[in-house]
Amino acid sequence: MDGLHGDFAGIGAAGTQRLERHACFGGWQDVYRHRSEALDCDMTVGVYFPPQAASAPCPVLYWLSGLTCTEQNFITKAGAQRHAAEHGLILVAPDTSPRGDAVADVPDRYDVGKGAGFYVDATQAPWSRHYRMHDYVARELPSWVETHPAVAAGVRAISGHSMGGHGALVAALRNPGRYASVSAFAPIVAPSRVPWGELAFETYFGPDRAAWREWDASELVATAGERLPLLVDQGEADEFLATQLRPELLREACAAAGHPLALRLHPGYDHSYYFIASFIGEHIAWHAAALRATG
């Protein structure tokens, strides 16, 4: 399998290093470190190559994780590799924020700073130097990944959880035509109207709420450049449902804009990776169908 499953070293930015490799469902679960110019730091990224990638380029599903996470949460807890191997999808799961001693942080907070990049491009100092996660996810990361011969360049989908669900929805809505499909688990759908988002947005953008709307999925659907269907799964026993997630705001916004939305509510499920693992197979199958139609 080493013909198409070789290192990313020498592709994209210099200094790419493979940190981990594990045989997994006939493919390989790798973890890489590479230099990000957008974030001005080194980043770690989990990449799963399904067995099909040994013989032909495969499409990519990008996964964005939530608050406090790294690339490890998804690749070790979601059970996604089995489904990706079935459908022939490459999974790419980056870290959730810039890292390093020079990167601004609020050490006593989990919901802003390191581990809480919110997948936006900050405009306020000192955050604007490193916190450009949207640019990284939507532009730089695909440029790095999709030069590899195992990857079908330009055939991509995006998904995520919580803060990462927000990031996935915003990436798709802000970049029409870039993704074949988008989905989210328990996303922060209206960050400009919930405490997690208000703290992060005031930190990264300052107090002007007009600027916040550019990074709020419930606002972006009104002017979306394409009617890409949104698939959202939400657990009804989620401890953050009423205060931080508020999926009804996205439902109302999509109804007003005529934007297609499948919002599925699941009794008994909470905010954890047990929830994600229960439905990740359905999401991967959904993305695979959309990617096949695109490819």
Protein backbone atom coordinates (compact mmCIF):
# COMPACT_ATOMS: atom_id res chain seq x y z
CA MET A 1 0.00 0.00 0.00
CA ASP A 2 2.99 2.31 0.27
CA GLY A 3 2.72 3.50 -3.33
CA LEU A 4 -0.13 5.92 -2.63
CA HIS A 5 0.14 5.85 1.15
CA GLY A 6 3.56 7.45 1.44
CA ASP A 7 4.36 10.45 3.58
CA PHE A 8 3.13 13.94 2.86
CA ALA A 9 6.77 14.98 3.33
CA GLY A 10 7.91 17.17 0.46
CA ILE A 11 4.34 18.11 -0.51
CA GLY A 12 3.02 21.58 0.30
CA ALA A 13 4.87 23.51 3.00
CA ALA A 14 8.35 22.32 3.88
CA GLY A 15 8.98 20.33 7.01
CA THR A 16 5.95 18.03 7.00
CA GLN A 17 6.46 15.11 9.39
CA ARG A 18 4.45 11.95 9.96
CA LEU A 19 4.00 11.44 13.70
CA GLU A 20 1.81 8.32 13.75
CA ARG A 21 0.74 5.48 11.48
CA HIS A 22 -1.73 2.74 12.44
CA ALA A 23 -3.22 0.04 10.20
CA CYS A 24 -6.98 0.48 10.42
CA PHE A 25 -9.82 -1.28 8.52
CA GLY A 26 -7.54 -2.10 5.63
CA GLY A 27 -6.17 1.43 5.40
CA TRP A 28 -3.96 3.73 7.44
CA GLN A 29 -4.66 6.21 10.20
CA ASP A 30 -1.86 8.76 10.10
CA VAL A 31 -1.10 11.91 12.06
CA TYR A 32 1.07 14.64 10.52
CA ARG A 33 2.70 17.86 11.63
CA HIS A 34 3.09 20.59 9.04
CA ARG A 35 3.82 24.28 8.93
CA SER A 36 0.82 26.57 8.43
CA GLU A 37 1.49 29.94 6.90
CA ALA A 38 -2.08 31.06 7.58
CA LEU A 39 -1.71 30.36 11.31
CA ASP A 40 2.02 31.11 11.57
CA CYS A 41 2.63 27.93 13.57
CA ASP A 42 2.95 24.18 13.23
CA MET A 43 -0.30 22.18 13.09
CA THR A 44 -1.14 18.53 13.62
CA VAL A 45 -3.65 16.79 11.36
CA GLY A 46 -5.15 13.30 11.41
CA VAL A 47 -5.51 11.72 7.96
CA TYR A 48 -7.22 8.38 7.35
CA PHE A 49 -6.52 6.67 4.02
CA PRO A 50 -9.08 3.97 3.17
CA PRO A 51 -7.90 0.84 1.35
CA GLN A 52 -9.32 2.15 -1.95
CA ALA A 53 -6.68 4.91 -1.93
CA ALA A 54 -4.03 2.33 -2.77
CA SER A 55 -5.41 2.01 -6.29
CA ALA A 56 -7.25 5.25 -7.10
CA PRO A 57 -7.61 8.81 -5.77
CA CYS A 58 -10.38 9.19 -3.19
CA PRO A 59 -12.56 12.16 -2.16
CA VAL A 60 -12.05 13.85 1.20
CA LEU A 61 -14.32 14.49 4.15
CA TYR A 62 -12.91 17.24 6.38
CA TRP A 63 -13.89 17.00 10.06
CA LEU A 64 -13.77 19.94 12.51
CA SER A 65 -13.80 19.09 16.21
CA GLY A 66 -15.16 21.11 19.12
CA LEU A 67 -13.96 23.07 22.13
CA THR A 68 -10.91 21.69 23.99
CA CYS A 69 -10.31 19.03 21.31
CA THR A 70 -7.31 18.19 19.16
CA GLU A 71 -7.14 15.97 16.09
CA GLN A 72 -7.09 12.98 18.44
CA ASN A 73 -10.69 13.16 19.66
CA PHE A 74 -12.26 12.34 16.32
CA ILE A 75 -9.76 9.75 15.15
CA THR A 76 -9.88 7.80 18.44
CA LYS A 77 -13.53 8.15 19.53
CA ALA A 78 -15.85 8.54 16.55
CA GLY A 79 -15.38 5.12 14.94
CA ALA A 80 -15.42 6.83 11.57
CA GLN A 81 -12.65 4.85 9.88
CA ARG A 82 -14.79 1.75 9.45
CA HIS A 83 -17.40 3.72 7.52
CA ALA A 84 -14.80 5.65 5.54
CA ALA A 85 -13.22 2.35 4.48
CA GLU A 86 -16.62 1.08 3.35
CA HIS A 87 -17.27 4.15 1.19
CA GLY A 88 -13.72 4.96 0.08
CA LEU A 89 -13.40 8.36 1.75
CA ILE A 90 -10.26 9.99 3.08
CA LEU A 91 -10.87 11.63 6.48
CA VAL A 92 -8.93 14.76 7.40
CA ALA A 93 -9.22 16.03 10.99
CA PRO A 94 -7.09 19.06 11.92
CA ASP A 95 -6.43 20.46 15.38
CA THR A 96 -8.96 23.04 16.59
CA SER A 97 -6.69 26.07 16.96
CA PRO A 98 -3.19 27.36 16.45
CA ARG A 99 -0.66 26.07 18.99
CA GLY A 100 2.71 27.11 20.39
CA ASP A 101 4.32 29.34 22.98
CA ALA A 102 3.94 32.44 20.79
CA VAL A 103 0.19 31.92 20.27
CA ALA A 104 -2.15 34.16 22.30
CA ASP A 105 -4.24 32.38 24.91
CA VAL A 106 -6.47 32.81 27.96
CA PRO A 107 -5.09 30.00 30.13
CA ASP A 108 -7.96 29.93 32.62
CA ARG A 109 -10.66 29.68 29.90
CA TYR A 110 -11.58 26.65 27.80
CA ASP A 111 -13.92 28.55 25.47
CA VAL A 112 -11.53 31.11 23.98
CA GLY A 113 -7.88 30.87 22.93
CA LYS A 114 -6.03 27.59 22.39
CA GLY A 115 -8.43 24.75 21.72
CA ALA A 116 -11.14 27.30 20.89
CA GLY A 117 -10.25 28.80 17.53
CA PHE A 118 -13.91 28.86 16.42
CA TYR A 119 -12.81 28.44 12.79
CA VAL A 120 -12.86 32.19 12.16
CA ASP A 121 -10.28 34.71 10.95
CA ALA A 122 -9.68 37.04 13.89
CA THR A 123 -9.25 40.77 13.24
CA GLN A 124 -8.28 41.96 16.74
CA ALA A 125 -4.72 41.98 18.09
CA PRO A 126 -3.06 39.86 19.36
CA TRP A 127 -5.40 37.17 18.00
CA SER A 128 -5.20 38.21 14.35
CA ARG A 129 -1.60 37.02 14.04
CA HIS A 130 -2.41 33.33 14.54
CA TYR A 131 -6.17 32.80 14.79
CA ARG A 132 -7.07 32.41 11.11
CA MET A 133 -8.66 28.99 11.29
CA HIS A 134 -11.19 29.63 8.53
CA ASP A 135 -8.44 30.51 6.07
CA TYR A 136 -6.54 27.45 7.20
CA VAL A 137 -9.49 25.02 6.91
CA ALA A 138 -11.05 26.36 3.72
CA ARG A 139 -7.91 27.21 1.75
CA GLU A 140 -4.54 26.14 3.12
CA LEU A 141 -5.39 22.69 4.47
CA PRO A 142 -7.00 21.49 1.20
CA SER A 143 -4.06 22.89 -0.74
CA TRP A 144 -1.73 20.81 1.41
CA VAL A 145 -3.84 17.63 1.45
CA GLU A 146 -5.05 17.57 -2.14
CA THR A 147 -1.64 17.56 -3.77
CA HIS A 148 -1.17 13.99 -2.49
CA PRO A 149 -1.66 11.37 -5.25
CA ALA A 150 -4.16 9.41 -3.11
CA VAL A 151 -6.54 12.40 -3.01
CA ALA A 152 -9.13 13.36 -5.62
CA ALA A 153 -8.41 17.08 -5.74
CA GLY A 154 -11.42 19.35 -5.44
CA VAL A 155 -13.84 16.57 -4.46
CA ARG A 156 -14.52 17.40 -0.83
CA ALA A 157 -17.15 17.57 1.90
CA ILE A 158 -17.08 18.99 5.42
CA SER A 159 -18.57 18.12 8.80
CA GLY A 160 -17.96 18.81 12.47
CA HIS A 161 -19.18 18.80 16.06
CA SER A 162 -20.25 21.67 18.33
CA MET A 163 -17.77 24.50 17.69
CA GLY A 164 -16.61 22.43 14.71
CA GLY A 165 -20.19 22.04 13.53
CA HIS A 166 -20.38 25.83 13.49
CA GLY A 167 -17.10 25.89 11.56
CA ALA A 168 -18.33 23.37 8.99
CA LEU A 169 -21.60 25.20 8.35
CA VAL A 170 -19.86 28.56 8.05
CA ALA A 171 -17.14 27.19 5.75
CA ALA A 172 -19.76 25.80 3.38
CA LEU A 173 -21.99 28.88 3.49
CA ARG A 174 -19.11 31.34 2.97
CA ASN A 175 -17.53 29.34 0.13
CA PRO A 176 -20.19 28.34 -2.41
CA GLY A 177 -19.09 25.56 -4.72
CA ARG A 178 -16.17 24.47 -2.54
CA TYR A 179 -17.92 21.51 -0.86
CA ALA A 180 -20.19 18.83 -2.27
CA SER A 181 -21.98 18.47 1.07
CA VAL A 182 -21.99 19.71 4.66
CA SER A 183 -23.23 18.26 7.93
CA ALA A 184 -22.91 18.92 11.64
CA PHE A 185 -23.42 17.29 15.01
CA ALA A 186 -24.80 19.56 17.77
CA PRO A 187 -23.46 22.73 16.10
CA ILE A 188 -23.35 26.20 17.60
CA VAL A 189 -25.74 27.51 14.93
CA ALA A 190 -26.08 31.10 16.14
CA PRO A 191 -22.80 32.04 17.87
CA SER A 192 -23.64 35.75 17.93
CA ARG A 193 -26.61 34.97 20.20
CA VAL A 194 -25.18 32.44 22.70
CA PRO A 195 -22.55 32.83 25.46
CA TRP A 196 -19.83 30.68 23.87
CA GLY A 197 -19.99 32.62 20.62
CA GLU A 198 -20.42 36.04 22.19
CA LEU A 199 -17.23 35.62 24.23
CA ALA A 200 -15.23 34.29 21.29
CA PHE A 201 -16.53 36.83 18.78
CA GLU A 202 -15.94 39.84 21.03
CA THR A 203 -12.43 38.53 21.69
CA TYR A 204 -11.58 37.84 18.05
CA PHE A 205 -13.56 40.64 16.32
CA GLY A 206 -14.23 43.32 18.91
CA PRO A 207 -17.65 44.66 19.99
CA ASP A 208 -19.12 45.44 16.54
CA ARG A 209 -21.87 42.84 16.19
CA ALA A 210 -22.28 43.62 12.50
CA ALA A 211 -18.91 41.92 11.93
CA TRP A 212 -20.08 38.89 13.88
CA ARG A 213 -22.88 38.14 11.41
CA GLU A 214 -20.32 37.14 8.77
CA TRP A 215 -19.43 34.14 10.94
CA ASP A 216 -22.90 33.08 12.07
CA ALA A 217 -24.62 30.28 10.13
CA SER A 218 -28.09 31.44 11.15
CA GLU A 219 -27.29 34.81 9.53
CA LEU A 220 -25.41 33.51 6.49
CA VAL A 221 -28.24 31.33 5.16
CA ALA A 222 -30.17 34.48 4.19
CA THR A 223 -27.54 35.45 1.60
CA ALA A 224 -25.99 32.05 0.78
CA GLY A 225 -24.62 31.82 -2.73
CA GLU A 226 -25.92 28.26 -3.18
CA ARG A 227 -28.67 26.15 -1.64
CA LEU A 228 -26.39 23.39 -0.36
CA PRO A 229 -28.55 21.20 1.91
CA LEU A 230 -27.59 21.26 5.59
CA LEU A 231 -27.72 18.00 7.58
CA VAL A 232 -27.77 18.61 11.35
CA ASP A 233 -28.12 15.98 14.08
CA GLN A 234 -28.85 17.12 17.63
CA GLY A 235 -29.28 15.11 20.82
CA GLU A 236 -32.28 16.15 22.91
CA ALA A 237 -30.45 15.27 26.15
CA ASP A 238 -27.55 17.56 25.26
CA GLU A 239 -26.66 19.64 28.31
CA PHE A 240 -25.85 22.63 26.09
CA LEU A 241 -28.98 22.46 23.94
CA ALA A 242 -31.01 25.34 25.37
CA THR A 243 -28.17 27.71 26.26
CA GLN A 244 -25.38 27.31 23.67
CA LEU A 245 -26.68 25.39 20.64
CA ARG A 246 -30.29 26.51 20.02
CA PRO A 247 -30.94 24.63 16.76
CA GLU A 248 -34.37 26.24 16.48
CA LEU A 249 -32.63 29.46 15.42
CA LEU A 250 -31.14 27.73 12.39
CA ARG A 251 -34.48 26.11 11.60
CA GLU A 252 -36.20 29.51 11.68
CA ALA A 253 -33.50 31.15 9.55
CA CYS A 254 -33.57 28.37 6.94
CA ALA A 255 -37.36 28.49 6.77
CA ALA A 256 -37.29 32.24 6.21
CA ALA A 257 -34.61 31.97 3.53
CA GLY A 258 -35.95 28.84 1.85
CA HIS A 259 -32.63 27.11 2.53
CA PRO A 260 -32.79 23.28 2.65
CA LEU A 261 -32.22 21.88 6.14
CA ALA A 262 -32.60 18.39 7.59
CA LEU A 263 -32.60 18.91 11.38
CA ARG A 264 -32.86 15.57 13.15
CA LEU A 265 -33.51 15.51 16.90
CA HIS A 266 -32.56 12.36 18.82
CA PRO A 267 -34.14 11.65 22.23
CA GLY A 268 -31.72 10.51 24.93
CA TYR A 269 -28.47 11.51 23.22
CA ASP A 270 -26.08 14.00 24.82
CA HIS A 271 -23.16 16.11 23.56
CA SER A 272 -20.53 13.39 23.73
CA TYR A 273 -18.75 11.24 21.17
CA TYR A 274 -21.16 8.43 22.04
CA PHE A 275 -23.68 10.52 20.11
CA ILE A 276 -21.31 11.10 17.22
CA ALA A 277 -20.32 7.43 17.03
CA SER A 278 -24.00 6.46 16.88
CA PHE A 279 -24.70 8.45 13.70
CA ILE A 280 -21.34 9.04 12.02
CA GLY A 281 -21.99 6.14 9.67
CA GLU A 282 -25.14 7.81 8.35
CA HIS A 283 -23.29 11.08 7.84
CA ILE A 284 -20.42 9.41 5.99
CA ALA A 285 -22.86 7.55 3.72
CA TRP A 286 -24.67 10.82 3.02
CA HIS A 287 -21.43 12.61 2.16
CA ALA A 288 -20.25 9.68 0.04
CA ALA A 289 -23.39 9.86 -2.09
CA ALA A 290 -22.94 13.59 -2.64
CA LEU A 291 -19.26 13.17 -3.46
CA ARG A 292 -19.97 10.40 -5.96
CA ALA A 293 -22.46 12.69 -7.68
CA THR A 294 -19.83 15.43 -7.82
CA GLY A 295 -16.97 13.22 -8.94
